[in-house]
């Protein structure tokens, strides 16, 4: 029936036989739009999954980052203490400066 309907419509509008049937074109367009929509949905779901994976890894990394910050603070404190000790040595040997300068 669809074929006969297409022929009748072509005669009604004087469309040549080699012009694609508009019903087929609409079906193909609907399918293409549906496929594109599915692709977009799949892509959005993949992005969401990737984001969740990244977020999970960042939460895991937070502990490592906290440990790293702790080490950096300790190193900073240690360097301040070392500087203080070196300053104390300088002050302690200050009276001997003339002795070393003349040698």
Protein backbone atom coordinates (compact mmCIF):
# COMPACT_ATOMS: atom_id res chain seq x y z
CA UNK A 1 0.00 0.00 0.00
CA UNK A 2 2.84 2.37 0.83
CA UNK A 3 4.33 1.85 -2.64
CA UNK A 4 0.99 2.57 -4.31
CA UNK A 5 0.50 5.61 -2.10
CA UNK A 6 3.94 6.91 -3.13
CA UNK A 7 3.11 6.46 -6.83
CA UNK A 8 -0.22 8.23 -6.39
CA UNK A 9 1.48 11.14 -4.61
CA UNK A 10 4.12 11.40 -7.34
CA UNK A 11 1.37 11.57 -9.98
CA UNK A 12 -0.57 14.07 -7.92
CA UNK A 13 2.46 16.40 -7.63
CA UNK A 14 4.06 15.40 -10.95
CA UNK A 15 7.29 14.21 -9.27
CA UNK A 16 9.64 12.20 -11.47
CA UNK A 17 10.30 8.60 -10.48
CA UNK A 18 14.01 9.28 -9.79
CA UNK A 19 13.20 11.80 -6.99
CA UNK A 20 13.53 10.08 -3.60
CA UNK A 21 10.31 9.29 -1.80
CA UNK A 22 9.66 11.83 0.95
CA UNK A 23 8.35 9.13 3.30
CA UNK A 24 11.62 7.21 3.03
CA UNK A 25 13.50 10.45 3.56
CA UNK A 26 11.47 11.16 6.70
CA UNK A 27 12.07 7.63 8.01
CA UNK A 28 15.81 7.94 7.38
CA UNK A 29 15.87 11.38 8.99
CA UNK A 30 14.01 10.05 12.05
CA UNK A 31 16.48 7.19 12.30
CA UNK A 32 19.47 9.51 11.91
CA UNK A 33 18.12 11.88 14.55
CA UNK A 34 17.46 8.95 16.87
CA UNK A 35 20.97 7.59 16.29
CA UNK A 36 22.48 11.02 16.90
CA UNK A 37 20.43 11.40 20.07
CA UNK A 38 21.62 8.02 21.28
CA UNK A 39 25.21 8.99 20.50
CA UNK A 40 24.85 12.23 22.44
CA UNK A 41 23.30 10.37 25.38
CA UNK A 42 26.06 7.76 25.29
CA UNK A 43 28.68 10.51 25.15
CA UNK A 44 27.09 12.36 28.07
CA UNK A 45 26.98 9.16 30.10
CA UNK A 46 30.65 8.51 29.29
CA UNK A 47 31.58 12.04 30.36
CA UNK A 48 29.65 11.57 33.61
CA UNK A 49 31.39 8.23 34.21
CA UNK A 50 34.79 9.78 33.44
CA UNK A 51 34.02 12.67 35.79
CA UNK A 52 33.04 10.23 38.54
CA UNK A 53 36.28 8.29 37.96
CA UNK A 54 38.31 11.50 38.12
CA UNK A 55 36.50 12.62 41.26
CA UNK A 56 37.13 9.25 42.93
CA UNK A 57 40.83 9.42 42.03
CA UNK A 58 41.05 12.98 43.37
CA UNK A 59 39.59 11.83 46.69
CA UNK A 60 42.23 9.09 46.80
CA UNK A 61 44.91 11.64 45.95
CA UNK A 62 43.75 13.96 48.73
CA UNK A 63 45.42 11.73 51.32
CA UNK A 64 48.64 11.75 49.34
CA UNK A 65 48.48 15.51 48.96
CA UNK A 66 47.85 15.94 52.69
CA UNK A 67 50.90 13.75 53.43
CA UNK A 68 52.97 15.78 50.96
CA UNK A 69 51.94 19.05 52.56
CA UNK A 70 52.84 17.62 55.98
CA UNK A 71 56.31 16.67 54.71
CA UNK A 72 56.80 20.13 53.19
CA UNK A 73 55.82 21.79 56.48
CA UNK A 74 58.23 19.53 58.36
CA UNK A 75 61.04 20.33 55.90
CA UNK A 76 60.32 24.04 56.28
CA UNK A 77 60.39 23.81 60.08
CA UNK A 78 63.60 21.79 59.91
CA UNK A 79 65.25 24.38 57.66
CA UNK A 80 64.20 27.16 60.05
CA UNK A 81 65.69 25.24 62.97
CA UNK A 82 68.89 24.62 60.99
CA UNK A 83 69.11 28.33 60.19
CA UNK A 84 68.64 29.17 63.85
CA UNK A 85 71.44 26.75 64.85
CA UNK A 86 73.76 28.20 62.20
CA UNK A 87 72.95 31.69 63.46
CA UNK A 88 73.68 30.59 67.03
CA UNK A 89 77.05 29.17 65.89
CA UNK A 90 77.88 32.45 64.17
CA UNK A 91 77.05 34.38 67.33
CA UNK A 92 79.03 31.90 69.48
CA UNK A 93 82.15 32.23 67.28
CA UNK A 94 81.79 36.01 66.76
CA UNK A 95 84.43 36.75 69.44
CA UNK A 96 86.91 34.60 67.46
CA UNK A 97 86.34 36.54 64.22
CA UNK A 98 89.53 38.59 64.60
CA UNK A 99 91.57 35.46 65.26
CA UNK A 100 90.37 33.79 62.05
CA UNK A 101 90.65 37.00 60.05
CA UNK A 102 94.34 37.41 60.90
CA UNK A 103 95.31 33.84 60.01
